[in-house]
Amino acid sequence: MALKDKLGAIAKTAADKTGDVVETTKLNIKINEEKSKINSCMEEVGRFYFDKFLNGEEFPVEVTDLFCRIKDSQEIIEELQEQIRAVKNK
């Protein structure tokens, strides 16, 4: 009987740990969903102010530097996309 009780206790512990893992996974999924919502909102805020920058509005130097880096990256992307089109049209 002692072995049966021990095996039962081990099985219960394993089941409890499995339940904990499932619950933790569900909570982590919800956390990631909320982080995604935050990132989406942050992106919208950035786009809003970047559009104002493109229309000539002035911002602090630190922000202007970031906007310039975004513009530089956009120009590089456009050049690379043009290179892709050129390769495809050969």
N, C-alpha and C. Protein backbone atom coordinates (compact mmCIF):
# COMPACT_ATOMS: atom_id res chain seq x y z
N MET A 1 0.81 -1.21 0.00
CA MET A 1 0.00 0.00 0.00
C MET A 1 0.84 1.26 0.00
N ALA A 2 2.00 1.23 0.64
CA ALA A 2 2.85 2.40 0.72
C ALA A 2 3.30 2.85 -0.66
N LEU A 3 3.63 1.88 -1.52
CA LEU A 3 4.06 2.21 -2.88
C LEU A 3 2.91 2.85 -3.66
N LYS A 4 1.71 2.29 -3.48
CA LYS A 4 0.55 2.84 -4.17
C LYS A 4 0.28 4.28 -3.72
N ASP A 5 0.40 4.53 -2.41
CA ASP A 5 0.20 5.88 -1.89
C ASP A 5 1.26 6.84 -2.42
N LYS A 6 2.50 6.36 -2.48
CA LYS A 6 3.60 7.19 -2.99
C LYS A 6 3.37 7.55 -4.45
N LEU A 7 2.98 6.54 -5.24
CA LEU A 7 2.72 6.79 -6.67
C LEU A 7 1.55 7.75 -6.84
N GLY A 8 0.54 7.61 -6.00
CA GLY A 8 -0.60 8.52 -6.05
C GLY A 8 -0.19 9.95 -5.74
N ALA A 9 0.67 10.09 -4.73
CA ALA A 9 1.16 11.43 -4.35
C ALA A 9 1.98 12.03 -5.47
N ILE A 10 2.82 11.22 -6.11
CA ILE A 10 3.64 11.69 -7.23
C ILE A 10 2.75 12.13 -8.38
N ALA A 11 1.73 11.34 -8.68
CA ALA A 11 0.81 11.67 -9.78
C ALA A 11 0.06 12.97 -9.48
N LYS A 12 -0.36 13.15 -8.22
CA LYS A 12 -1.07 14.38 -7.85
C LYS A 12 -0.15 15.59 -7.97
N THR A 13 1.10 15.45 -7.52
CA THR A 13 2.06 16.54 -7.63
C THR A 13 2.30 16.89 -9.09
N ALA A 14 2.45 15.87 -9.94
CA ALA A 14 2.66 16.12 -11.37
C ALA A 14 1.46 16.83 -11.98
N ALA A 15 0.26 16.40 -11.61
CA ALA A 15 -0.95 17.03 -12.13
C ALA A 15 -1.05 18.48 -11.67
N ASP A 16 -0.73 18.73 -10.40
CA ASP A 16 -0.74 20.10 -9.88
C ASP A 16 0.25 20.98 -10.64
N LYS A 17 1.46 20.45 -10.88
CA LYS A 17 2.47 21.24 -11.59
C LYS A 17 2.04 21.50 -13.03
N THR A 18 1.42 20.51 -13.65
CA THR A 18 0.93 20.69 -15.02
C THR A 18 -0.13 21.78 -15.06
N GLY A 19 -1.02 21.76 -14.07
CA GLY A 19 -2.05 22.80 -13.98
C GLY A 19 -1.44 24.17 -13.79
N ASP A 20 -0.38 24.24 -12.97
CA ASP A 20 0.31 25.51 -12.75
C ASP A 20 0.94 26.02 -14.04
N VAL A 21 1.54 25.11 -14.81
CA VAL A 21 2.18 25.50 -16.07
C VAL A 21 1.13 26.02 -17.04
N VAL A 22 0.00 25.35 -17.11
CA VAL A 22 -1.07 25.78 -18.01
C VAL A 22 -1.58 27.16 -17.61
N GLU A 23 -1.79 27.36 -16.31
CA GLU A 23 -2.28 28.65 -15.83
C GLU A 23 -1.26 29.76 -16.09
N THR A 24 0.01 29.46 -15.83
CA THR A 24 1.07 30.44 -16.08
C THR A 24 1.14 30.79 -17.56
N THR A 25 1.00 29.78 -18.41
CA THR A 25 1.04 30.02 -19.86
C THR A 25 -0.12 30.92 -20.28
N LYS A 26 -1.31 30.65 -19.75
CA LYS A 26 -2.48 31.50 -20.08
C LYS A 26 -2.24 32.94 -19.64
N LEU A 27 -1.69 33.11 -18.44
CA LEU A 27 -1.43 34.46 -17.95
C LEU A 27 -0.37 35.16 -18.79
N ASN A 28 0.67 34.44 -19.19
CA ASN A 28 1.71 35.03 -20.04
C ASN A 28 1.16 35.43 -21.40
N ILE A 29 0.22 34.64 -21.93
CA ILE A 29 -0.42 35.00 -23.20
C ILE A 29 -1.19 36.31 -23.04
N LYS A 30 -1.92 36.44 -21.93
CA LYS A 30 -2.67 37.67 -21.69
C LYS A 30 -1.73 38.87 -21.52
N ILE A 31 -0.61 38.65 -20.83
CA ILE A 31 0.38 39.73 -20.67
C ILE A 31 0.90 40.16 -22.04
N ASN A 32 1.22 39.19 -22.90
CA ASN A 32 1.73 39.52 -24.23
C ASN A 32 0.69 40.23 -25.08
N GLU A 33 -0.59 39.87 -24.92
CA GLU A 33 -1.65 40.57 -25.64
C GLU A 33 -1.71 42.03 -25.21
N GLU A 34 -1.58 42.28 -23.91
CA GLU A 34 -1.62 43.66 -23.42
C GLU A 34 -0.39 44.44 -23.89
N LYS A 35 0.78 43.78 -23.90
CA LYS A 35 1.99 44.43 -24.40
C LYS A 35 1.82 44.79 -25.87
N SER A 36 1.18 43.92 -26.62
CA SER A 36 0.93 44.19 -28.03
C SER A 36 0.02 45.41 -28.20
N LYS A 37 -0.99 45.52 -27.34
CA LYS A 37 -1.87 46.69 -27.38
C LYS A 37 -1.09 47.97 -27.08
N ILE A 38 -0.20 47.89 -26.10
CA ILE A 38 0.63 49.05 -25.76
C ILE A 38 1.50 49.43 -26.94
N ASN A 39 2.16 48.45 -27.55
CA ASN A 39 3.03 48.73 -28.69
C ASN A 39 2.24 49.34 -29.84
N SER A 40 1.03 48.87 -30.06
CA SER A 40 0.19 49.43 -31.12
C SER A 40 -0.14 50.89 -30.85
N CYS A 41 -0.49 51.19 -29.61
CA CYS A 41 -0.78 52.58 -29.23
C CYS A 41 0.46 53.46 -29.36
N MET A 42 1.60 52.94 -28.92
CA MET A 42 2.85 53.70 -29.03
C MET A 42 3.17 53.98 -30.50
N GLU A 43 2.91 53.00 -31.35
CA GLU A 43 3.15 53.18 -32.77
C GLU A 43 2.24 54.27 -33.34
N GLU A 44 0.98 54.28 -32.92
CA GLU A 44 0.05 55.32 -33.37
C GLU A 44 0.51 56.70 -32.92
N VAL A 45 0.96 56.80 -31.69
CA VAL A 45 1.46 58.08 -31.17
C VAL A 45 2.65 58.53 -32.01
N GLY A 46 3.56 57.60 -32.27
CA GLY A 46 4.73 57.92 -33.08
C GLY A 46 4.37 58.40 -34.47
N ARG A 47 3.43 57.69 -35.11
CA ARG A 47 3.00 58.09 -36.45
C ARG A 47 2.38 59.49 -36.43
N PHE A 48 1.57 59.75 -35.41
CA PHE A 48 0.91 61.05 -35.28
C PHE A 48 1.95 62.17 -35.26
N TYR A 49 2.96 62.03 -34.41
CA TYR A 49 3.96 63.09 -34.29
C TYR A 49 4.95 63.08 -35.46
N PHE A 50 5.21 61.92 -36.03
CA PHE A 50 6.09 61.87 -37.20
C PHE A 50 5.44 62.62 -38.37
N ASP A 51 4.14 62.45 -38.54
CA ASP A 51 3.43 63.19 -39.59
C ASP A 51 3.53 64.69 -39.36
N LYS A 52 3.44 65.11 -38.10
CA LYS A 52 3.59 66.54 -37.79
C LYS A 52 5.01 67.01 -38.12
N PHE A 53 6.01 66.17 -37.85
CA PHE A 53 7.39 66.49 -38.18
C PHE A 53 7.55 66.66 -39.69
N LEU A 54 6.95 65.73 -40.45
CA LEU A 54 7.03 65.81 -41.91
C LEU A 54 6.36 67.07 -42.45
N ASN A 55 5.39 67.58 -41.71
CA ASN A 55 4.69 68.81 -42.13
C ASN A 55 5.36 70.06 -41.59
N GLY A 56 6.57 69.91 -41.03
CA GLY A 56 7.35 71.07 -40.66
C GLY A 56 7.28 71.49 -39.19
N GLU A 57 6.53 70.77 -38.40
CA GLU A 57 6.45 71.14 -36.98
C GLU A 57 7.79 70.86 -36.30
N GLU A 58 8.15 71.72 -35.38
CA GLU A 58 9.42 71.57 -34.69
C GLU A 58 9.25 70.82 -33.38
N PHE A 59 10.29 70.05 -33.06
CA PHE A 59 10.30 69.23 -31.85
C PHE A 59 11.65 69.39 -31.17
N PRO A 60 11.78 68.94 -29.93
CA PRO A 60 13.08 68.97 -29.27
C PRO A 60 14.12 68.19 -30.08
N VAL A 61 15.37 68.55 -29.92
CA VAL A 61 16.47 67.95 -30.71
C VAL A 61 16.47 66.43 -30.61
N GLU A 62 16.23 65.89 -29.43
CA GLU A 62 16.26 64.44 -29.25
C GLU A 62 15.19 63.75 -30.10
N VAL A 63 14.03 64.37 -30.17
CA VAL A 63 12.93 63.80 -30.96
C VAL A 63 13.22 63.98 -32.45
N THR A 64 13.70 65.15 -32.81
CA THR A 64 14.04 65.41 -34.21
C THR A 64 15.09 64.42 -34.70
N ASP A 65 16.06 64.10 -33.85
CA ASP A 65 17.08 63.11 -34.21
C ASP A 65 16.44 61.75 -34.50
N LEU A 66 15.52 61.35 -33.68
CA LEU A 66 14.83 60.07 -33.90
C LEU A 66 14.04 60.10 -35.20
N PHE A 67 13.34 61.20 -35.46
CA PHE A 67 12.58 61.33 -36.70
C PHE A 67 13.51 61.27 -37.92
N CYS A 68 14.66 61.92 -37.81
CA CYS A 68 15.63 61.89 -38.92
C CYS A 68 16.14 60.47 -39.15
N ARG A 69 16.36 59.75 -38.09
CA ARG A 69 16.80 58.36 -38.23
C ARG A 69 15.72 57.51 -38.90
N ILE A 70 14.45 57.79 -38.57
CA ILE A 70 13.35 57.08 -39.22
C ILE A 70 13.33 57.41 -40.71
N LYS A 71 13.46 58.71 -41.05
CA LYS A 71 13.47 59.11 -42.46
C LYS A 71 14.62 58.46 -43.21
N ASP A 72 15.81 58.43 -42.59
CA ASP A 72 16.97 57.78 -43.22
C ASP A 72 16.68 56.31 -43.50
N SER A 73 16.09 55.62 -42.53
CA SER A 73 15.76 54.21 -42.72
C SER A 73 14.71 54.03 -43.81
N GLN A 74 13.73 54.93 -43.86
CA GLN A 74 12.72 54.85 -44.93
C GLN A 74 13.37 55.01 -46.30
N GLU A 75 14.32 55.93 -46.42
CA GLU A 75 15.01 56.14 -47.69
C GLU A 75 15.83 54.91 -48.08
N ILE A 76 16.49 54.30 -47.11
CA ILE A 76 17.26 53.09 -47.38
C ILE A 76 16.33 51.98 -47.84
N ILE A 77 15.17 51.84 -47.18
CA ILE A 77 14.20 50.83 -47.58
C ILE A 77 13.73 51.05 -49.00
N GLU A 78 13.44 52.32 -49.36
CA GLU A 78 13.02 52.63 -50.72
C GLU A 78 14.09 52.26 -51.74
N GLU A 79 15.36 52.56 -51.42
CA GLU A 79 16.46 52.20 -52.32
C GLU A 79 16.58 50.69 -52.47
N LEU A 80 16.46 49.97 -51.38
CA LEU A 80 16.56 48.51 -51.43
C LEU A 80 15.40 47.91 -52.21
N GLN A 81 14.21 48.46 -52.03
CA GLN A 81 13.05 47.98 -52.79
C GLN A 81 13.23 48.23 -54.27
N GLU A 82 13.84 49.37 -54.60
CA GLU A 82 14.12 49.67 -56.01
C GLU A 82 15.13 48.65 -56.57
N GLN A 83 16.11 48.29 -55.78
CA GLN A 83 17.09 47.27 -56.20
C GLN A 83 16.41 45.94 -56.43
N ILE A 84 15.45 45.60 -55.58
CA ILE A 84 14.70 44.34 -55.75
C ILE A 84 13.91 44.38 -57.04
N ARG A 85 13.25 45.51 -57.31
CA ARG A 85 12.49 45.63 -58.56
C ARG A 85 13.41 45.49 -59.75
N ALA A 86 14.60 46.07 -59.67
CA ALA A 86 15.56 45.99 -60.79
C ALA A 86 15.99 44.54 -61.01
N VAL A 87 16.22 43.82 -59.94
CA VAL A 87 16.64 42.41 -60.05
C VAL A 87 15.51 41.58 -60.66
N LYS A 88 14.29 41.83 -60.24
CA LYS A 88 13.15 41.07 -60.75
C LYS A 88 12.87 41.36 -62.22
N ASN A 89 13.22 42.57 -62.68
CA ASN A 89 12.94 42.97 -64.06
C ASN A 89 14.05 42.62 -65.02
N LYS A 90 15.07 41.93 -64.58
CA LYS A 90 16.17 41.54 -65.48
C LYS A 90 15.74 40.50 -66.47
